[in-house]
Amino acid sequence: MKTIAILGAAGKVGQLMLKELARMKREVKVEPYGRHDKPASCDIAILCTDDPVSEKLAAELKDKANFIIDMSAKFRNDPQVPLVIPEINADTITKDTKLIASPNCTTTGLVMALNPLKTKYTLEEVFFCSYQAISGGGKKLIDEFNTEGSLYQANCVPLIGSIQPNGFTSEEMKGLNETRKILRLPKIKVRPHTVRVPVMVSHSLGVTLKTKEDFDMEEIQNLFASQKGVICDGKIYTPKEVEGRDEVFISRTRQDFEDKNILHFWITFDNLLKGAALNGRQIAEYLLENF
């Protein structure tokens, strides 16, 4: 029986990962460890830890685990480490791959929507404003939100992560860099604005996409619907409705009334599932099935 070790199993991400692995159809042995434990050899190690700890553990586990999946941001921009959403770019994993990164939650929803469109259209620019749930900030932010007088209650806070020298936040830069890497579109222009909103679960994005070609709206609906893991059925979805669902939901698709090569749409999805633990589980399933 294959063995999957979870490092950081007591934390929020680790607890979610344990629940996700319990949903696997294939029987595996799951071994939970603390973030500073020394696990025995395993087939797959999943690091549910923050950047500094993931960096340390990746080095320590390289000879103990056949594959390592890291849920932190530490290795996402490393050109030698595949940044994987299995429905999009599982082919970047080979038998010789040792370390695999799972992407930022907000980026995940965005690229799940953009991926089917790039097969028919030349994607030039994507603008988005995110509406990110409190749970995306982890236990610390949840506790702060539940404190009387919290800035996050009944409010929108246009700051997620730290301000970078260019004026953008670290969260916004993830949207740029990770989108380019996952979609293998190094020249696409990504113009992000990230906002924390008083919703406990499910991230949303208002997206405007510009392509070289004019959009055919019937074709757009079909392309969205063709993407595994995406639901676009003409209904309007809100964060509350999609909590606990695996898919990324797209609605309010509309062609710009002046420029026919501009498309507007709304995305919402459970940030704790496809935006985090579910994607990690899907990477593990892919590894077990193919290597």
Protein backbone atom coordinates (compact mmCIF):
# COMPACT_ATOMS: atom_id res chain seq x y z
CA MET A 1 0.00 0.00 0.00
CA LYS A 2 1.24 3.46 -0.89
CA THR A 3 2.06 5.83 1.95
CA ILE A 4 1.33 9.57 2.08
CA ALA A 5 2.89 11.62 4.86
CA ILE A 6 1.33 14.97 5.80
CA LEU A 7 3.71 17.42 7.44
CA GLY A 8 1.93 20.11 9.46
CA ALA A 9 -1.11 17.88 9.92
CA ALA A 10 -2.28 19.73 13.03
CA GLY A 11 -2.63 23.08 11.23
CA LYS A 12 -5.66 24.31 9.29
CA VAL A 13 -4.29 23.31 5.88
CA GLY A 14 -3.12 19.97 7.27
CA GLN A 15 -6.55 19.22 8.74
CA LEU A 16 -8.19 20.02 5.42
CA MET A 17 -5.70 17.79 3.63
CA LEU A 18 -6.50 14.89 5.95
CA LYS A 19 -10.19 15.26 5.07
CA GLU A 20 -9.40 15.39 1.36
CA LEU A 21 -7.18 12.30 1.43
CA ALA A 22 -10.02 10.45 3.16
CA ARG A 23 -12.08 11.07 -0.01
CA MET A 24 -9.59 9.27 -2.26
CA LYS A 25 -11.00 6.27 -4.09
CA ARG A 26 -7.66 4.51 -3.92
CA GLU A 27 -6.73 3.08 -0.54
CA VAL A 28 -3.58 4.63 0.87
CA LYS A 29 -1.88 4.79 4.23
CA VAL A 30 -1.93 8.35 5.55
CA GLU A 31 0.62 9.29 8.20
CA PRO A 32 0.14 12.66 9.95
CA TYR A 33 3.17 14.46 11.34
CA GLY A 34 3.88 17.71 13.08
CA ARG A 35 5.78 20.41 11.21
CA HIS A 36 9.02 19.58 13.02
CA ASP A 37 8.70 15.79 13.07
CA LYS A 38 11.10 13.47 11.25
CA PRO A 39 8.94 11.12 9.13
CA ALA A 40 10.00 7.73 7.89
CA SER A 41 10.28 6.97 4.18
CA CYS A 42 7.08 7.48 2.19
CA ASP A 43 5.82 7.52 -1.38
CA ILE A 44 4.47 11.07 -1.21
CA ALA A 45 5.07 13.81 1.34
CA ILE A 46 2.64 16.75 1.42
CA LEU A 47 3.99 19.87 3.11
CA CYS A 48 1.16 21.84 4.76
CA THR A 49 3.56 24.34 6.22
CA ASP A 50 4.64 27.96 5.73
CA ASP A 51 7.49 29.02 3.45
CA PRO A 52 10.50 28.71 5.83
CA VAL A 53 9.42 25.33 7.16
CA SER A 54 8.64 24.02 3.67
CA GLU A 55 12.10 25.01 2.49
CA LYS A 56 13.70 23.11 5.39
CA LEU A 57 11.47 20.05 5.02
CA ALA A 58 11.95 19.80 1.25
CA ALA A 59 15.68 19.48 1.77
CA GLU A 60 15.30 16.95 4.59
CA LEU A 61 12.81 14.77 2.71
CA LYS A 62 14.47 14.63 -0.69
CA ASP A 63 15.91 11.17 0.04
CA LYS A 64 12.93 9.91 2.06
CA ALA A 65 9.99 10.67 -0.24
CA ASN A 66 9.58 9.72 -3.89
CA PHE A 67 7.58 12.90 -4.47
CA ILE A 68 7.04 16.04 -2.40
CA ILE A 69 3.99 18.30 -2.81
CA ASP A 70 4.39 21.73 -1.26
CA MET A 71 1.30 23.78 -0.44
CA SER A 72 3.23 26.95 0.47
CA ALA A 73 4.42 29.74 -1.83
CA LYS A 74 8.11 28.95 -1.34
CA PHE A 75 8.83 27.11 -4.60
CA ARG A 76 6.10 28.39 -6.93
CA ASN A 77 8.36 30.72 -8.90
CA ASP A 78 11.29 28.31 -9.07
CA PRO A 79 11.73 27.45 -12.78
CA GLN A 80 12.88 23.95 -11.80
CA VAL A 81 9.70 23.20 -9.83
CA PRO A 82 6.43 22.51 -11.67
CA LEU A 83 3.48 24.57 -10.45
CA VAL A 84 0.59 22.22 -11.01
CA ILE A 85 -3.16 22.20 -11.44
CA PRO A 86 -3.79 18.65 -12.69
CA GLU A 87 -6.65 19.63 -15.03
CA ILE A 88 -4.31 22.07 -16.78
CA ASN A 89 -0.64 21.09 -16.70
CA ALA A 90 -0.11 17.69 -15.11
CA ASP A 91 2.22 16.96 -18.04
CA THR A 92 4.87 19.15 -16.38
CA ILE A 93 5.40 16.30 -13.88
CA THR A 94 7.75 13.50 -14.94
CA LYS A 95 9.06 10.40 -13.20
CA ASP A 96 12.17 12.39 -12.33
CA THR A 97 10.26 15.24 -10.69
CA LYS A 98 10.98 15.38 -7.00
CA LEU A 99 9.20 18.54 -5.84
CA ILE A 100 5.81 19.89 -7.02
CA ALA A 101 4.23 23.19 -5.95
CA SER A 102 0.49 23.80 -5.58
CA PRO A 103 -0.58 27.32 -6.60
CA ASN A 104 -2.12 30.29 -4.83
CA CYS A 105 -5.86 29.93 -4.20
CA THR A 106 -6.95 33.01 -6.14
CA THR A 107 -4.73 32.20 -9.10
CA THR A 108 -6.23 28.71 -9.22
CA GLY A 109 -9.74 29.97 -9.91
CA LEU A 110 -8.50 32.43 -12.51
CA VAL A 111 -6.45 29.99 -14.57
CA MET A 112 -9.16 27.31 -14.45
CA ALA A 113 -11.33 29.82 -16.32
CA LEU A 114 -8.65 31.06 -18.72
CA ASN A 115 -7.22 27.67 -19.68
CA PRO A 116 -9.97 26.49 -22.08
CA LEU A 117 -10.07 29.88 -23.80
CA LYS A 118 -6.40 29.83 -24.78
CA THR A 119 -7.09 26.92 -27.13
CA LYS A 120 -9.09 29.22 -29.45
CA TYR A 121 -8.07 32.76 -28.54
CA THR A 122 -4.83 34.70 -28.12
CA LEU A 123 -4.99 35.91 -24.52
CA GLU A 124 -3.41 39.36 -24.27
CA GLU A 125 -4.56 41.01 -21.04
CA VAL A 126 -6.55 39.95 -18.00
CA PHE A 127 -7.80 42.40 -15.40
CA PHE A 128 -9.29 41.11 -12.15
CA CYS A 129 -10.50 42.31 -8.79
CA SER A 130 -10.67 39.56 -6.19
CA TYR A 131 -13.13 39.27 -3.32
CA GLN A 132 -11.28 36.94 -0.98
CA ALA A 133 -12.76 35.10 1.98
CA ILE A 134 -11.56 35.48 5.55
CA SER A 135 -10.62 31.79 5.75
CA GLY A 136 -7.95 32.40 3.13
CA GLY A 137 -5.95 34.26 5.78
CA GLY A 138 -5.82 31.22 8.07
CA LYS A 139 -6.54 30.89 11.77
CA LYS A 140 -4.92 34.20 12.66
CA LEU A 141 -7.24 36.19 10.39
CA ILE A 142 -10.30 34.16 11.40
CA ASP A 143 -9.58 34.95 15.06
CA GLU A 144 -9.09 38.62 14.24
CA PHE A 145 -12.34 38.70 12.25
CA ASN A 146 -14.21 37.26 15.23
CA THR A 147 -12.81 39.91 17.59
CA GLU A 148 -15.17 42.78 18.39
CA GLY A 149 -14.30 45.90 16.43
CA SER A 150 -12.27 44.04 13.79
CA LEU A 151 -11.52 46.06 10.66
CA TYR A 152 -12.63 43.06 8.62
CA GLN A 153 -16.20 42.96 9.92
CA ALA A 154 -18.77 44.46 7.52
CA ASN A 155 -15.93 45.95 5.52
CA CYS A 156 -13.74 45.52 2.44
CA VAL A 157 -9.98 45.67 2.98
CA PRO A 158 -7.94 46.29 -0.21
CA LEU A 159 -4.73 44.84 1.20
CA ILE A 160 -3.78 41.15 1.15
CA GLY A 161 -0.18 40.28 1.85
CA SER A 162 2.58 42.87 2.03
CA ILE A 163 3.11 45.94 -0.12
CA GLN A 164 5.96 45.39 -2.58
CA PRO A 165 8.39 48.05 -3.86
CA ASN A 166 6.30 48.40 -7.04
CA GLY A 167 3.18 49.28 -5.02
CA PHE A 168 1.42 45.97 -5.64
CA THR A 169 0.87 43.44 -2.85
CA SER A 170 2.55 40.07 -2.59
CA GLU A 171 -0.87 38.48 -3.25
CA GLU A 172 -1.30 40.49 -6.44
CA MET A 173 2.16 39.52 -7.67
CA LYS A 174 1.23 35.86 -7.18
CA GLY A 175 -1.69 36.43 -9.56
CA LEU A 176 0.70 37.73 -12.19
CA ASN A 177 3.61 35.32 -11.87
CA GLU A 178 1.68 32.13 -11.25
CA THR A 179 -0.83 32.74 -14.04
CA ARG A 180 1.99 33.12 -16.55
CA LYS A 181 3.74 29.98 -15.33
CA ILE A 182 0.71 27.67 -15.12
CA LEU A 183 -0.73 28.68 -18.49
CA ARG A 184 2.72 28.82 -20.11
CA LEU A 185 1.91 32.31 -21.37
CA PRO A 186 4.94 34.39 -20.28
CA LYS A 187 3.76 37.48 -22.14
CA ILE A 188 0.16 37.70 -20.95
CA LYS A 189 -0.47 40.95 -19.07
CA VAL A 190 -2.14 40.39 -15.72
CA ARG A 191 -3.53 43.45 -13.93
CA PRO A 192 -4.69 42.42 -10.42
CA HIS A 193 -6.38 44.09 -7.46
CA THR A 194 -6.99 41.89 -4.41
CA VAL A 195 -9.53 42.66 -1.67
CA ARG A 196 -10.47 40.85 1.56
CA VAL A 197 -14.23 40.74 2.14
CA PRO A 198 -16.39 39.61 5.11
CA VAL A 199 -17.23 36.20 3.64
CA MET A 200 -15.94 33.21 5.59
CA VAL A 201 -15.48 30.72 2.70
CA SER A 202 -15.17 30.99 -1.09
CA HIS A 203 -13.11 33.44 -3.12
CA SER A 204 -14.59 35.35 -6.06
CA LEU A 205 -13.15 37.36 -8.94
CA GLY A 206 -14.59 39.89 -11.33
CA VAL A 207 -12.60 39.35 -14.51
CA THR A 208 -12.13 41.29 -17.73
CA LEU A 209 -10.22 39.53 -20.50
CA LYS A 210 -8.84 41.03 -23.71
CA THR A 211 -7.84 38.85 -26.64
CA LYS A 212 -6.53 39.43 -30.14
CA GLU A 213 -9.66 37.97 -31.72
CA ASP A 214 -13.31 38.96 -31.31
CA PHE A 215 -15.31 36.64 -29.07
CA ASP A 216 -17.98 34.26 -30.26
CA MET A 217 -20.22 34.02 -27.18
CA GLU A 218 -21.71 30.64 -28.05
CA GLU A 219 -18.21 29.27 -28.45
CA ILE A 220 -17.14 30.86 -25.14
CA GLN A 221 -19.91 29.08 -23.25
CA ASN A 222 -18.93 25.78 -24.83
CA LEU A 223 -15.26 26.30 -24.04
CA PHE A 224 -15.94 27.08 -20.39
CA ALA A 225 -18.21 24.04 -20.12
CA SER A 226 -15.54 21.83 -21.71
CA GLN A 227 -13.01 22.51 -18.95
CA LYS A 228 -12.91 19.68 -16.43
CA GLY A 229 -13.60 21.09 -12.98
CA VAL A 230 -15.54 24.13 -14.24
CA ILE A 231 -19.29 24.73 -14.18
CA CYS A 232 -20.72 27.38 -16.50
CA ASP A 233 -24.40 26.64 -17.05
CA GLY A 234 -26.05 30.05 -17.30
CA LYS A 235 -26.91 30.31 -13.61
CA ILE A 236 -25.50 33.02 -11.35
CA TYR A 237 -23.41 31.68 -8.47
CA THR A 238 -22.42 33.32 -5.19
CA PRO A 239 -19.77 32.37 -2.60
CA LYS A 240 -22.38 30.99 -0.21
CA GLU A 241 -23.78 28.60 -2.82
CA VAL A 242 -20.43 27.09 -3.84
CA GLU A 243 -19.01 26.48 -0.36
CA GLY A 244 -18.22 22.79 -0.06
CA ARG A 245 -18.26 22.24 -3.83
CA ASP A 246 -15.21 21.01 -5.75
CA GLU A 247 -15.75 22.97 -8.97
CA VAL A 248 -14.92 26.49 -10.11
CA PHE A 249 -18.13 28.30 -11.06
CA ILE A 250 -18.30 30.87 -13.87
CA SER A 251 -21.28 33.14 -14.48
CA ARG A 252 -22.31 36.55 -15.82
CA THR A 253 -20.33 35.99 -19.02
CA ARG A 254 -20.83 38.93 -21.38
CA GLN A 255 -19.11 40.50 -24.34
CA ASP A 256 -18.11 44.12 -23.99
CA PHE A 257 -20.65 46.45 -25.59
CA GLU A 258 -17.95 48.47 -27.38
CA ASP A 259 -14.98 46.17 -27.97
CA LYS A 260 -15.89 42.70 -29.21
CA ASN A 261 -12.51 41.30 -28.20
CA ILE A 262 -13.19 41.99 -24.50
CA LEU A 263 -15.02 39.53 -22.27
CA HIS A 264 -16.33 40.07 -18.74
CA PHE A 265 -17.23 37.29 -16.30
CA TRP A 266 -17.55 36.31 -12.64
CA ILE A 267 -15.74 33.43 -10.92
CA THR A 268 -16.43 31.94 -7.49
CA PHE A 269 -15.11 28.77 -5.83
CA ASP A 270 -14.37 27.23 -2.43
CA ASN A 271 -10.89 28.51 -1.59
CA LEU A 272 -10.33 25.72 0.94
CA LEU A 273 -11.04 23.00 -1.63
CA LYS A 274 -9.95 23.65 -5.21
CA GLY A 275 -7.99 26.64 -3.95
CA ALA A 276 -6.03 24.48 -1.52
CA ALA A 277 -6.50 20.94 -0.20
CA LEU A 278 -8.45 19.49 -3.14
CA ASN A 279 -5.75 20.53 -5.60
CA GLY A 280 -3.10 18.93 -3.39
CA ARG A 281 -5.10 15.72 -3.26
CA GLN A 282 -5.54 15.74 -7.03
CA ILE A 283 -1.78 16.08 -7.51
CA ALA A 284 -1.24 13.12 -5.18
CA GLU A 285 -3.81 11.06 -7.10
CA TYR A 286 -2.11 11.89 -10.38
CA LEU A 287 1.24 10.75 -8.99
CA LEU A 288 -0.20 7.48 -7.70
CA GLU A 289 -1.91 6.76 -11.00
CA ASN A 290 1.00 7.55 -13.27
CA PHE A 291 4.26 6.75 -11.48
